[in-house]
Amino acid sequence: MDRRRVIGLMALVLGGIAFWGSPATPGLAATVTKLTLGMPTTPPNLVHIVPWVAKEQGFFADEGLDVEIITFEGGVYVIRNVVSGALDAGAGVGASVAVSVAKKAGIKAIFGSAPRFASTMTVRSNIKTLQDLKGKKIGVQEIGGFADVLSRMVLRKAGIKPDEVTFIPIASADVPPLLAGAIDTAVLHVDQLMMARQKDPSFHALVKFWELEPNQLFNVFVAQEKKLAAEPAKFQALVRALAKANRFMYANKARTVDVAVKHAKLPRDVAELAYDELVKGKVWSQNDGLPRAKVEYTIDRMVQVGSIKSEGRPKHEDYVAVSILEEALKSLPRIPDYD
């Protein structure tokens, strides 16, 4: 083979590598921006699967982001790490975000991936009505934590005083103490409820929180105000990728379930049933997930329960990074009847 043919073949091979390699390495020529993102459960529950879908489907890569997802055992810890600057962004409960904003923690909400609760108050068979909770053992992870706040919400609805029940602090794995009879109630995500019912079919949802409190924000992504001001394009890209993931999930059940099976470690049948419940309840957003009415309602609820002093009540603009959201979602037409 003469030298010219060898050179020609090498050029063809190298050209083919460049052509076929480019889709697999998006943004190779462009700058890839690294971002650390905290999530509140390990492994994620189905409702929290959004960033994993964004990663698996290439939405982060499309936006020029290299996202490292770091999981915790509670949204409080995520928010603390965002406040300290250890994380670029992270997800926590909307009420906790309101309290942090009121305390001038230096964070703002940038996206609401699940503006409605995805949890249930799961109870034993001897509890049929809200009034039956009186005298019962209420399972919570920690006083003031997510399950504690939601459980007290149910008690207020029932007209039951906190001293008329017993709060039992438990580990994050709620199902074993429920099975053992150590507690009578547990706040479980819908996929956890379905897993629990496989072990004891008598367990049932006394309350579905997306129905009890449809206007109180649940899963909200936040970032440090200093970082938002320094790198707005980075966070706008994050918001777009998450919004695209949410819309993809509504339109692609099978693929969403695949990601949940892989990352949430759920059995396929459980993931499919839980997906149907969350879609029916419009738990995931399809727009920014931070409508003014729900932000205001969430802040007001924290004032009512004493977590925020009335004189220190934050405004909508204190809570939401409005300019980041508006710029990020300009290219995504609003979908009616969704947050």
C-alpha atoms as a PDB file:
ATOM      1  CA  MET A   1       0.000   0.000   0.000  1.00  0.00           C
ATOM      2  CA  ASP A   2       1.562   3.339  -1.042  1.00  0.00           C
ATOM      3  CA  ARG A   3       2.012   6.258   1.318  1.00  0.00           C
ATOM      4  CA  ARG A   4      -0.824   8.336  -0.193  1.00  0.00           C
ATOM      5  CA  ARG A   5      -3.368   5.528   0.320  1.00  0.00           C
ATOM      6  CA  VAL A   6      -2.213   5.034   3.915  1.00  0.00           C
ATOM      7  CA  ILE A   7      -2.622   8.750   4.641  1.00  0.00           C
ATOM      8  CA  GLY A   8      -6.018   8.754   2.948  1.00  0.00           C
ATOM      9  CA  LEU A   9      -7.257   5.813   5.018  1.00  0.00           C
ATOM     10  CA  MET A  10      -5.985   7.375   8.248  1.00  0.00           C
ATOM     11  CA  ALA A  11      -7.790  10.598   7.436  1.00  0.00           C
ATOM     12  CA  LEU A  12     -11.005   8.662   6.765  1.00  0.00           C
ATOM     13  CA  VAL A  13     -10.738   6.763  10.058  1.00  0.00           C
ATOM     14  CA  LEU A  14      -9.924   9.867  12.080  1.00  0.00           C
ATOM     15  CA  GLY A  15     -12.721  11.758  10.385  1.00  0.00           C
ATOM     16  CA  GLY A  16     -15.160   8.962  11.254  1.00  0.00           C
ATOM     17  CA  ILE A  17     -14.038   8.999  14.882  1.00  0.00           C
ATOM     18  CA  ALA A  18     -14.589  12.748  15.042  1.00  0.00           C
ATOM     19  CA  PHE A  19     -18.026  12.441  13.415  1.00  0.00           C
ATOM     20  CA  TRP A  20     -19.366   9.590  15.516  1.00  0.00           C
ATOM     21  CA  GLY A  21     -17.655  10.729  18.706  1.00  0.00           C
ATOM     22  CA  SER A  22     -19.227  14.162  18.788  1.00  0.00           C
ATOM     23  CA  PRO A  23     -22.783  13.103  19.835  1.00  0.00           C
ATOM     24  CA  ALA A  24     -21.375  11.020  22.696  1.00  0.00           C
ATOM     25  CA  THR A  25     -19.313  13.915  24.006  1.00  0.00           C
ATOM     26  CA  PRO A  26     -21.616  16.938  23.878  1.00  0.00           C
ATOM     27  CA  GLY A  27     -19.990  20.246  24.620  1.00  0.00           C
ATOM     28  CA  LEU A  28     -16.455  18.845  24.159  1.00  0.00           C
ATOM     29  CA  ALA A  29     -15.410  21.909  22.219  1.00  0.00           C
ATOM     30  CA  ALA A  30     -17.488  24.201  24.405  1.00  0.00           C
ATOM     31  CA  THR A  31     -16.969  24.911  28.081  1.00  0.00           C
ATOM     32  CA  VAL A  32     -18.660  22.431  30.409  1.00  0.00           C
ATOM     33  CA  THR A  33     -19.809  23.976  33.680  1.00  0.00           C
ATOM     34  CA  LYS A  34     -19.606  21.820  36.800  1.00  0.00           C
ATOM     35  CA  LEU A  35     -22.406  22.024  39.348  1.00  0.00           C
ATOM     36  CA  THR A  36     -23.060  20.204  42.625  1.00  0.00           C
ATOM     37  CA  LEU A  37     -26.700  19.422  43.360  1.00  0.00           C
ATOM     38  CA  GLY A  38     -28.010  18.124  46.682  1.00  0.00           C
ATOM     39  CA  MET A  39     -31.058  15.875  46.987  1.00  0.00           C
ATOM     40  CA  PRO A  40     -32.884  15.067  50.230  1.00  0.00           C
ATOM     41  CA  THR A  41     -33.209  11.260  50.239  1.00  0.00           C
ATOM     42  CA  THR A  42     -30.863   8.290  49.775  1.00  0.00           C
ATOM     43  CA  PRO A  43     -31.814   6.597  47.498  1.00  0.00           C
ATOM     44  CA  PRO A  44     -34.280   9.037  45.930  1.00  0.00           C
ATOM     45  CA  ASN A  45     -38.003   8.493  46.201  1.00  0.00           C
ATOM     46  CA  LEU A  46     -39.894   8.548  42.929  1.00  0.00           C
ATOM     47  CA  VAL A  47     -40.972  12.167  43.414  1.00  0.00           C
ATOM     48  CA  HIS A  48     -37.296  13.181  43.682  1.00  0.00           C
ATOM     49  CA  ILE A  49     -36.171  11.383  40.502  1.00  0.00           C
ATOM     50  CA  VAL A  50     -36.205  14.555  38.349  1.00  0.00           C
ATOM     51  CA  PRO A  51     -32.443  15.327  38.275  1.00  0.00           C
ATOM     52  CA  TRP A  52     -31.606  11.709  37.525  1.00  0.00           C
ATOM     53  CA  VAL A  53     -33.972  11.869  34.540  1.00  0.00           C
ATOM     54  CA  ALA A  54     -32.295  15.120  33.471  1.00  0.00           C
ATOM     55  CA  LYS A  55     -28.922  13.404  33.664  1.00  0.00           C
ATOM     56  CA  GLU A  56     -29.942  10.152  31.976  1.00  0.00           C
ATOM     57  CA  GLN A  57     -31.785  11.908  29.134  1.00  0.00           C
ATOM     58  CA  GLY A  58     -28.981  14.367  28.470  1.00  0.00           C
ATOM     59  CA  PHE A  59     -30.847  17.532  29.488  1.00  0.00           C
ATOM     60  CA  PHE A  60     -27.967  18.648  31.729  1.00  0.00           C
ATOM     61  CA  ALA A  61     -25.447  17.959  28.971  1.00  0.00           C
ATOM     62  CA  ASP A  62     -27.595  19.848  26.458  1.00  0.00           C
ATOM     63  CA  GLU A  63     -27.323  22.876  28.730  1.00  0.00           C
ATOM     64  CA  GLY A  64     -23.549  22.523  29.061  1.00  0.00           C
ATOM     65  CA  LEU A  65     -23.706  21.265  32.641  1.00  0.00           C
ATOM     66  CA  ASP A  66     -21.736  18.503  34.331  1.00  0.00           C
ATOM     67  CA  VAL A  67     -23.916  17.875  37.397  1.00  0.00           C
ATOM     68  CA  GLU A  68     -22.796  15.872  40.404  1.00  0.00           C
ATOM     69  CA  ILE A  69     -25.849  14.717  42.373  1.00  0.00           C
ATOM     70  CA  ILE A  70     -25.163  14.293  46.094  1.00  0.00           C
ATOM     71  CA  THR A  71     -27.805  12.672  48.299  1.00  0.00           C
ATOM     72  CA  PHE A  72     -28.575  13.327  51.963  1.00  0.00           C
ATOM     73  CA  GLU A  73     -30.968  12.048  54.632  1.00  0.00           C
ATOM     74  CA  GLY A  74     -33.269  15.051  54.743  1.00  0.00           C
ATOM     75  CA  GLY A  75     -33.862  18.343  52.997  1.00  0.00           C
ATOM     76  CA  VAL A  76     -32.738  20.318  56.065  1.00  0.00           C
ATOM     77  CA  TYR A  77     -29.189  19.070  55.510  1.00  0.00           C
ATOM     78  CA  VAL A  78     -29.337  19.956  51.833  1.00  0.00           C
ATOM     79  CA  ILE A  79     -30.419  23.518  52.605  1.00  0.00           C
ATOM     80  CA  ARG A  80     -27.679  23.904  55.218  1.00  0.00           C
ATOM     81  CA  ASN A  81     -25.074  22.904  52.647  1.00  0.00           C
ATOM     82  CA  VAL A  82     -26.487  25.344  50.098  1.00  0.00           C
ATOM     83  CA  VAL A  83     -26.412  28.119  52.700  1.00  0.00           C
ATOM     84  CA  SER A  84     -22.783  27.335  53.553  1.00  0.00           C
ATOM     85  CA  GLY A  85     -21.792  27.249  49.883  1.00  0.00           C
ATOM     86  CA  ALA A  86     -20.757  23.583  49.979  1.00  0.00           C
ATOM     87  CA  LEU A  87     -23.433  22.879  47.334  1.00  0.00           C
ATOM     88  CA  ASP A  88     -24.277  25.000  44.308  1.00  0.00           C
ATOM     89  CA  ALA A  89     -27.967  24.115  44.547  1.00  0.00           C
ATOM     90  CA  GLY A  90     -30.233  21.639  46.257  1.00  0.00           C
ATOM     91  CA  ALA A  91     -33.784  20.569  47.013  1.00  0.00           C
ATOM     92  CA  GLY A  92     -35.729  20.943  50.232  1.00  0.00           C
ATOM     93  CA  VAL A  93     -39.260  21.347  51.527  1.00  0.00           C
ATOM     94  CA  GLY A  94     -40.923  24.634  50.595  1.00  0.00           C
ATOM     95  CA  ALA A  95     -41.795  25.421  54.221  1.00  0.00           C
ATOM     96  CA  SER A  96     -38.167  24.977  55.310  1.00  0.00           C
ATOM     97  CA  VAL A  97     -37.098  27.283  52.508  1.00  0.00           C
ATOM     98  CA  ALA A  98     -39.549  29.919  53.767  1.00  0.00           C
ATOM     99  CA  VAL A  99     -38.095  29.698  57.279  1.00  0.00           C
ATOM    100  CA  SER A 100     -34.531  29.970  55.918  1.00  0.00           C
ATOM    101  CA  VAL A 101     -35.448  33.000  53.802  1.00  0.00           C
ATOM    102  CA  ALA A 102     -37.086  34.652  56.831  1.00  0.00           C
ATOM    103  CA  LYS A 103     -33.863  34.094  58.772  1.00  0.00           C
ATOM    104  CA  LYS A 104     -31.902  35.908  56.026  1.00  0.00           C
ATOM    105  CA  ALA A 105     -29.954  32.763  55.182  1.00  0.00           C
ATOM    106  CA  GLY A 106     -29.006  34.158  51.774  1.00  0.00           C
ATOM    107  CA  ILE A 107     -30.814  31.661  49.540  1.00  0.00           C
ATOM    108  CA  LYS A 108     -33.634  31.865  47.018  1.00  0.00           C
ATOM    109  CA  ALA A 109     -35.870  29.344  45.284  1.00  0.00           C
ATOM    110  CA  ILE A 110     -35.079  28.760  41.618  1.00  0.00           C
ATOM    111  CA  PHE A 111     -37.475  25.929  40.695  1.00  0.00           C
ATOM    112  CA  GLY A 112     -40.326  23.921  42.181  1.00  0.00           C
ATOM    113  CA  SER A 113     -40.046  20.391  40.810  1.00  0.00           C
ATOM    114  CA  ALA A 114     -42.931  19.087  42.931  1.00  0.00           C
ATOM    115  CA  PRO A 115     -45.114  21.958  44.164  1.00  0.00           C
ATOM    116  CA  ARG A 116     -47.540  19.461  45.712  1.00  0.00           C
ATOM    117  CA  PHE A 117     -46.742  16.985  48.474  1.00  0.00           C
ATOM    118  CA  ALA A 118     -46.076  13.407  47.391  1.00  0.00           C
ATOM    119  CA  SER A 119     -46.506  11.915  50.854  1.00  0.00           C
ATOM    120  CA  THR A 120     -49.162  10.060  52.780  1.00  0.00           C
ATOM    121  CA  MET A 121     -49.871   9.555  56.450  1.00  0.00           C
ATOM    122  CA  THR A 122     -49.780   5.778  56.475  1.00  0.00           C
ATOM    123  CA  VAL A 123     -51.504   4.123  59.422  1.00  0.00           C
ATOM    124  CA  ARG A 124     -52.229   0.753  60.946  1.00  0.00           C
ATOM    125  CA  SER A 125     -55.568  -0.977  60.455  1.00  0.00           C
ATOM    126  CA  ASN A 126     -56.980   0.208  63.805  1.00  0.00           C
ATOM    127  CA  ILE A 127     -57.022   3.822  62.570  1.00  0.00           C
ATOM    128  CA  LYS A 128     -59.979   4.575  60.298  1.00  0.00           C
ATOM    129  CA  THR A 129     -60.592   8.313  60.799  1.00  0.00           C
ATOM    130  CA  LEU A 130     -58.623  11.381  61.815  1.00  0.00           C
ATOM    131  CA  GLN A 131     -60.230  11.228  65.265  1.00  0.00           C
ATOM    132  CA  ASP A 132     -58.739   7.763  65.776  1.00  0.00           C
ATOM    133  CA  LEU A 133     -55.277   9.380  65.974  1.00  0.00           C
ATOM    134  CA  LYS A 134     -55.952  10.538  69.542  1.00  0.00           C
ATOM    135  CA  GLY A 135     -53.748   8.601  71.969  1.00  0.00           C
ATOM    136  CA  LYS A 136     -51.712   7.016  69.182  1.00  0.00           C
ATOM    137  CA  LYS A 137     -47.934   6.812  68.617  1.00  0.00           C
ATOM    138  CA  ILE A 138     -46.925   9.201  65.826  1.00  0.00           C
ATOM    139  CA  GLY A 139     -43.715   8.280  64.033  1.00  0.00           C
ATOM    140  CA  VAL A 140     -41.409  11.191  63.122  1.00  0.00           C
ATOM    141  CA  GLN A 141     -37.736  11.333  62.139  1.00  0.00           C
ATOM    142  CA  GLU A 142     -36.988  14.309  64.355  1.00  0.00           C
ATOM    143  CA  ILE A 143     -38.977  17.004  66.123  1.00  0.00           C
ATOM    144  CA  GLY A 144     -39.396  19.887  63.692  1.00  0.00           C
ATOM    145  CA  GLY A 145     -38.512  17.708  60.706  1.00  0.00           C
ATOM    146  CA  PHE A 146     -40.592  16.907  57.629  1.00  0.00           C
ATOM    147  CA  ALA A 147     -42.694  14.086  59.118  1.00  0.00           C
ATOM    148  CA  ASP A 148     -43.221  16.027  62.337  1.00  0.00           C
ATOM    149  CA  VAL A 149     -44.502  19.109  60.482  1.00  0.00           C
ATOM    150  CA  LEU A 150     -46.883  17.065  58.321  1.00  0.00           C
ATOM    151  CA  SER A 151     -48.134  15.000  61.253  1.00  0.00           C
ATOM    152  CA  ARG A 152     -48.942  18.146  63.237  1.00  0.00           C
ATOM    153  CA  MET A 153     -50.753  19.461  60.168  1.00  0.00           C
ATOM    154  CA  VAL A 154     -53.038  16.407  60.298  1.00  0.00           C
ATOM    155  CA  LEU A 155     -53.571  16.770  64.040  1.00  0.00           C
ATOM    156  CA  ARG A 156     -54.643  20.417  63.585  1.00  0.00           C
ATOM    157  CA  LYS A 157     -57.078  19.303  60.897  1.00  0.00           C
ATOM    158  CA  ALA A 158     -58.497  16.728  63.339  1.00  0.00           C
ATOM    159  CA  GLY A 159     -58.631  19.173  66.258  1.00  0.00           C
ATOM    160  CA  ILE A 160     -56.267  16.989  68.282  1.00  0.00           C
ATOM    161  CA  LYS A 161     -53.699  18.680  70.536  1.00  0.00           C
ATOM    162  CA  PRO A 162     -50.048  17.557  70.305  1.00  0.00           C
ATOM    163  CA  ASP A 163     -50.107  16.473  73.959  1.00  0.00           C
ATOM    164  CA  GLU A 164     -52.959  14.070  73.159  1.00  0.00           C
ATOM    165  CA  VAL A 165     -50.603  11.860  71.120  1.00  0.00           C
ATOM    166  CA  THR A 166     -47.084  10.499  71.621  1.00  0.00           C
ATOM    167  CA  PHE A 167     -44.385  11.514  69.151  1.00  0.00           C
ATOM    168  CA  ILE A 168     -41.863   8.705  68.597  1.00  0.00           C
ATOM    169  CA  PRO A 169     -38.539   9.660  66.962  1.00  0.00           C
ATOM    170  CA  ILE A 170     -37.459   6.928  64.561  1.00  0.00           C
ATOM    171  CA  ALA A 171     -34.785   6.348  61.945  1.00  0.00           C
ATOM    172  CA  SER A 172     -35.463   7.382  58.342  1.00  0.00           C
ATOM    173  CA  ALA A 173     -36.622   3.825  57.568  1.00  0.00           C
ATOM    174  CA  ASP A 174     -40.247   4.194  58.707  1.00  0.00           C
ATOM    175  CA  VAL A 175     -41.631   0.844  57.623  1.00  0.00           C
ATOM    176  CA  PRO A 176     -39.866  -1.532  60.103  1.00  0.00           C
ATOM    177  CA  PRO A 177     -41.143   0.247  63.252  1.00  0.00           C
ATOM    178  CA  LEU A 178     -44.612   0.446  61.706  1.00  0.00           C
ATOM    179  CA  LEU A 179     -44.514  -3.288  61.053  1.00  0.00           C
ATOM    180  CA  ALA A 180     -43.235  -3.968  64.571  1.00  0.00           C
ATOM    181  CA  GLY A 181     -46.001  -1.894  66.181  1.00  0.00           C
ATOM    182  CA  ALA A 182     -43.550   0.618  67.669  1.00  0.00           C
ATOM    183  CA  ILE A 183     -45.528   3.391  65.951  1.00  0.00           C
ATOM    184  CA  ASP A 184     -49.081   3.712  64.665  1.00  0.00           C
ATOM    185  CA  THR A 185     -48.433   6.227  61.901  1.00  0.00           C
ATOM    186  CA  ALA A 186     -45.649   7.119  59.510  1.00  0.00           C
ATOM    187  CA  VAL A 187     -45.304   9.788  56.846  1.00  0.00           C
ATOM    188  CA  LEU A 188     -44.415   7.796  53.737  1.00  0.00           C
ATOM    189  CA  HIS A 189     -43.955   8.764  50.124  1.00  0.00           C
ATOM    190  CA  VAL A 190     -46.431   7.004  47.885  1.00  0.00           C
ATOM    191  CA  ASP A 191     -43.848   4.471  46.660  1.00  0.00           C
ATOM    192  CA  GLN A 192     -42.891   3.697  50.269  1.00  0.00           C
ATOM    193  CA  LEU A 193     -46.569   3.103  51.094  1.00  0.00           C
ATOM    194  CA  MET A 194     -46.869   0.598  48.275  1.00  0.00           C
ATOM    195  CA  MET A 195     -43.734  -1.184  49.443  1.00  0.00           C
ATOM    196  CA  ALA A 196     -45.112  -1.292  52.995  1.00  0.00           C
ATOM    197  CA  ARG A 197     -48.432  -2.768  51.805  1.00  0.00           C
ATOM    198  CA  GLN A 198     -46.566  -5.643  50.205  1.00  0.00           C
ATOM    199  CA  LYS A 199     -45.474  -6.593  53.735  1.00  0.00           C
ATOM    200  CA  ASP A 200     -48.768  -5.778  55.465  1.00  0.00           C
ATOM    201  CA  PRO A 201     -51.786  -5.177  53.200  1.00  0.00           C
ATOM    202  CA  SER A 202     -53.723  -3.623  56.105  1.00  0.00           C
ATOM    203  CA  PHE A 203     -51.595  -0.467  56.023  1.00  0.00           C
ATOM    204  CA  HIS A 204     -53.468   2.349  54.336  1.00  0.00           C
ATOM    205  CA  ALA A 205     -53.211   6.056  53.579  1.00  0.00           C
ATOM    206  CA  LEU A 206     -55.311   7.959  56.103  1.00  0.00           C
ATOM    207  CA  VAL A 207     -54.252  11.181  54.385  1.00  0.00           C
ATOM    208  CA  LYS A 208     -52.800  12.016  50.978  1.00  0.00           C
ATOM    209  CA  PHE A 209     -51.027  15.299  51.581  1.00  0.00           C
ATOM    210  CA  TRP A 210     -51.348  16.491  47.977  1.00  0.00           C
ATOM    211  CA  GLU A 211     -55.096  16.478  48.606  1.00  0.00           C
ATOM    212  CA  LEU A 212     -55.045  17.772  52.202  1.00  0.00           C
ATOM    213  CA  GLU A 213     -52.695  20.705  51.452  1.00  0.00           C
ATOM    214  CA  PRO A 214     -52.612  21.229  47.678  1.00  0.00           C
ATOM    215  CA  ASN A 215     -51.399  24.834  48.002  1.00  0.00           C
ATOM    216  CA  GLN A 216     -48.357  24.281  50.206  1.00  0.00           C
ATOM    217  CA  LEU A 217     -45.086  23.906  48.315  1.00  0.00           C
ATOM    218  CA  PHE A 218     -43.230  20.636  48.637  1.00  0.00           C
ATOM    219  CA  ASN A 219     -39.972  20.056  46.724  1.00  0.00           C
ATOM    220  CA  VAL A 220     -38.179  23.306  45.925  1.00  0.00           C
ATOM    221  CA  PHE A 221     -34.701  23.837  44.511  1.00  0.00           C
ATOM    222  CA  VAL A 222     -32.668  26.655  46.037  1.00  0.00           C
ATOM    223  CA  ALA A 223     -29.318  28.342  45.493  1.00  0.00           C
ATOM    224  CA  GLN A 224     -27.194  30.875  47.309  1.00  0.00           C
ATOM    225  CA  GLU A 225     -27.985  34.463  46.356  1.00  0.00           C
ATOM    226  CA  LYS A 226     -24.286  35.299  45.939  1.00  0.00           C
ATOM    227  CA  LYS A 227     -23.849  32.457  43.450  1.00  0.00           C
ATOM    228  CA  LEU A 228     -27.011  33.404  41.567  1.00  0.00           C
ATOM    229  CA  ALA A 229     -25.668  36.933  41.151  1.00  0.00           C
ATOM    230  CA  ALA A 230     -22.197  35.747  40.133  1.00  0.00           C
ATOM    231  CA  GLU A 231     -23.239  33.039  37.635  1.00  0.00           C
ATOM    232  CA  PRO A 232     -26.858  33.571  36.550  1.00  0.00           C
ATOM    233  CA  ALA A 233     -26.455  31.648  33.268  1.00  0.00           C
ATOM    234  CA  LYS A 234     -25.322  28.544  35.156  1.00  0.00           C
ATOM    235  CA  PHE A 235     -28.491  28.453  37.256  1.00  0.00           C
ATOM    236  CA  GLN A 236     -30.741  29.360  34.345  1.00  0.00           C
ATOM    237  CA  ALA A 237     -29.326  26.311  32.553  1.00  0.00           C
ATOM    238  CA  LEU A 238     -30.064  24.159  35.608  1.00  0.00           C
ATOM    239  CA  VAL A 239     -33.668  25.381  35.754  1.00  0.00           C
ATOM    240  CA  ARG A 240     -34.229  24.689  32.038  1.00  0.00           C
ATOM    241  CA  ALA A 241     -32.818  21.173  32.325  1.00  0.00           C
ATOM    242  CA  LEU A 242     -35.010  20.347  35.336  1.00  0.00           C
ATOM    243  CA  ALA A 243     -38.119  21.795  33.661  1.00  0.00           C
ATOM    244  CA  LYS A 244     -37.428  19.745  30.521  1.00  0.00           C
ATOM    245  CA  ALA A 245     -37.037  16.639  32.692  1.00  0.00           C
ATOM    246  CA  ASN A 246     -40.398  17.225  34.387  1.00  0.00           C
ATOM    247  CA  ARG A 247     -42.156  17.604  31.045  1.00  0.00           C
ATOM    248  CA  PHE A 248     -40.409  14.519  29.705  1.00  0.00           C
ATOM    249  CA  MET A 249     -41.595  12.498  32.705  1.00  0.00           C
ATOM    250  CA  TYR A 250     -45.253  13.316  32.094  1.00  0.00           C
ATOM    251  CA  ALA A 251     -44.950  12.228  28.460  1.00  0.00           C
ATOM    252  CA  ASN A 252     -42.752   9.145  28.978  1.00  0.00           C
ATOM    253  CA  LYS A 253     -43.939   6.792  31.711  1.00  0.00           C
ATOM    254  CA  ALA A 254     -41.866   3.785  30.625  1.00  0.00           C
ATOM    255  CA  ARG A 255     -38.571   5.667  30.542  1.00  0.00           C
ATOM    256  CA  THR A 256     -39.305   7.452  33.832  1.00  0.00           C
ATOM    257  CA  VAL A 257     -40.006   4.096  35.464  1.00  0.00           C
ATOM    258  CA  ASP A 258     -36.732   2.735  34.039  1.00  0.00           C
ATOM    259  CA  VAL A 259     -34.803   5.557  35.703  1.00  0.00           C
ATOM    260  CA  ALA A 260     -36.696   5.020  38.971  1.00  0.00           C
ATOM    261  CA  VAL A 261     -35.932   1.297  38.970  1.00  0.00           C
ATOM    262  CA  LYS A 262     -32.253   2.064  38.412  1.00  0.00           C
ATOM    263  CA  HIS A 263     -31.712   4.954  40.810  1.00  0.00           C
ATOM    264  CA  ALA A 264     -34.572   4.777  43.333  1.00  0.00           C
ATOM    265  CA  LYS A 265     -34.099   0.996  43.600  1.00  0.00           C
ATOM    266  CA  LEU A 266     -37.839   0.423  43.265  1.00  0.00           C
ATOM    267  CA  PRO A 267     -39.512  -2.732  41.955  1.00  0.00           C
ATOM    268  CA  ARG A 268     -40.997  -1.973  38.556  1.00  0.00           C
ATOM    269  CA  ASP A 269     -44.599  -2.646  39.609  1.00  0.00           C
ATOM    270  CA  VAL A 270     -44.259  -0.269  42.578  1.00  0.00           C
ATOM    271  CA  ALA A 271     -42.687   2.441  40.416  1.00  0.00           C
ATOM    272  CA  GLU A 272     -45.470   2.133  37.842  1.00  0.00           C
ATOM    273  CA  LEU A 273     -48.259   2.405  40.428  1.00  0.00           C
ATOM    274  CA  ALA A 274     -46.574   5.293  42.221  1.00  0.00           C
ATOM    275  CA  TYR A 275     -45.983   7.097  38.919  1.00  0.00           C
ATOM    276  CA  ASP A 276     -49.701   6.874  38.122  1.00  0.00           C
ATOM    277  CA  GLU A 277     -50.612   8.364  41.524  1.00  0.00           C
ATOM    278  CA  LEU A 278     -48.197  11.294  41.138  1.00  0.00           C
ATOM    279  CA  VAL A 279     -49.318  12.053  37.583  1.00  0.00           C
ATOM    280  CA  LYS A 280     -52.983  11.885  38.574  1.00  0.00           C
ATOM    281  CA  GLY A 281     -52.314  14.263  41.460  1.00  0.00           C
ATOM    282  CA  LYS A 282     -50.300  16.670  39.245  1.00  0.00           C
ATOM    283  CA  VAL A 283     -47.565  16.483  41.870  1.00  0.00           C
ATOM    284  CA  TRP A 284     -44.718  17.346  39.477  1.00  0.00           C
ATOM    285  CA  SER A 285     -44.697  20.792  37.902  1.00  0.00           C
ATOM    286  CA  GLN A 286     -44.672  21.479  34.180  1.00  0.00           C
ATOM    287  CA  ASN A 287     -43.848  25.167  34.482  1.00  0.00           C
ATOM    288  CA  ASP A 288     -41.680  26.858  37.136  1.00  0.00           C
ATOM    289  CA  GLY A 289     -43.512  25.179  40.032  1.00  0.00           C
ATOM    290  CA  LEU A 290     -43.422  28.389  42.071  1.00  0.00           C
ATOM    291  CA  PRO A 291     -46.724  30.200  41.470  1.00  0.00           C
ATOM    292  CA  ARG A 292     -47.086  33.340  43.565  1.00  0.00           C
ATOM    293  CA  ALA A 293     -50.239  32.082  45.303  1.00  0.00           C
ATOM    294  CA  LYS A 294     -48.522  28.920  46.566  1.00  0.00           C
ATOM    295  CA  VAL A 295     -45.392  30.776  47.643  1.00  0.00           C
ATOM    296  CA  GLU A 296     -47.528  33.241  49.623  1.00  0.00           C
ATOM    297  CA  TYR A 297     -49.632  30.421  51.102  1.00  0.00           C
ATOM    298  CA  THR A 298     -46.538  28.505  52.213  1.00  0.00           C
ATOM    299  CA  ILE A 299     -45.026  31.566  53.865  1.00  0.00           C
ATOM    300  CA  ASP A 300     -48.332  32.376  55.589  1.00  0.00           C
ATOM    301  CA  ARG A 301     -48.615  28.823  56.942  1.00  0.00           C
ATOM    302  CA  MET A 302     -45.200  29.157  58.570  1.00  0.00           C
ATOM    303  CA  VAL A 303     -46.318  32.432  60.149  1.00  0.00           C
ATOM    304  CA  GLN A 304     -49.501  30.765  61.437  1.00  0.00           C
ATOM    305  CA  VAL A 305     -47.629  27.902  63.113  1.00  0.00           C
ATOM    306  CA  GLY A 306     -45.062  30.271  64.626  1.00  0.00           C
ATOM    307  CA  SER A 307     -42.043  29.238  62.570  1.00  0.00           C
ATOM    308  CA  ILE A 308     -41.847  32.767  61.130  1.00  0.00           C
ATOM    309  CA  LYS A 309     -42.619  35.921  63.105  1.00  0.00           C
ATOM    310  CA  SER A 310     -45.243  38.079  61.447  1.00  0.00           C
ATOM    311  CA  GLU A 311     -42.982  41.117  61.468  1.00  0.00           C
ATOM    312  CA  GLY A 312     -40.296  39.110  59.670  1.00  0.00           C
ATOM    313  CA  ARG A 313     -42.563  37.651  56.992  1.00  0.00           C
ATOM    314  CA  PRO A 314     -40.677  37.464  53.667  1.00  0.00           C
ATOM    315  CA  LYS A 315     -42.255  38.611  50.412  1.00  0.00           C
ATOM    316  CA  HIS A 316     -42.633  36.569  47.234  1.00  0.00           C
ATOM    317  CA  GLU A 317     -39.619  38.371  45.739  1.00  0.00           C
ATOM    318  CA  ASP A 318     -37.533  37.457  48.807  1.00  0.00           C
ATOM    319  CA  TYR A 319     -38.408  33.784  48.334  1.00  0.00           C
ATOM    320  CA  VAL A 320     -38.111  33.426  44.534  1.00  0.00           C
ATOM    321  CA  ALA A 321     -35.210  34.333  42.243  1.00  0.00           C
ATOM    322  CA  VAL A 322     -37.656  35.906  39.795  1.00  0.00           C
ATOM    323  CA  SER A 323     -35.163  37.097  37.166  1.00  0.00           C
ATOM    324  CA  ILE A 324     -33.444  33.682  37.030  1.00  0.00           C
ATOM    325  CA  LEU A 325     -36.772  31.918  36.462  1.00  0.00           C
ATOM    326  CA  GLU A 326     -38.053  34.352  33.866  1.00  0.00           C
ATOM    327  CA  GLU A 327     -34.878  34.217  31.797  1.00  0.00           C
ATOM    328  CA  ALA A 328     -34.502  30.437  32.131  1.00  0.00           C
ATOM    329  CA  LEU A 329     -37.996  29.574  30.918  1.00  0.00           C
ATOM    330  CA  LYS A 330     -38.435  32.133  28.134  1.00  0.00           C
ATOM    331  CA  SER A 331     -37.954  29.394  25.544  1.00  0.00           C
ATOM    332  CA  LEU A 332     -40.462  26.979  27.141  1.00  0.00           C
ATOM    333  CA  PRO A 333     -44.120  27.868  26.441  1.00  0.00           C
ATOM    334  CA  ARG A 334     -46.301  27.705  29.545  1.00  0.00           C
ATOM    335  CA  ILE A 335     -48.481  24.626  29.932  1.00  0.00           C
ATOM    336  CA  PRO A 336     -51.959  25.525  31.257  1.00  0.00           C
ATOM    337  CA  ASP A 337     -53.486  23.942  34.365  1.00  0.00           C
ATOM    338  CA  TYR A 338     -50.100  23.057  35.863  1.00  0.00           C
ATOM    339  CA  ASP A 339     -47.799  24.845  38.307  1.00  0.00           C
END
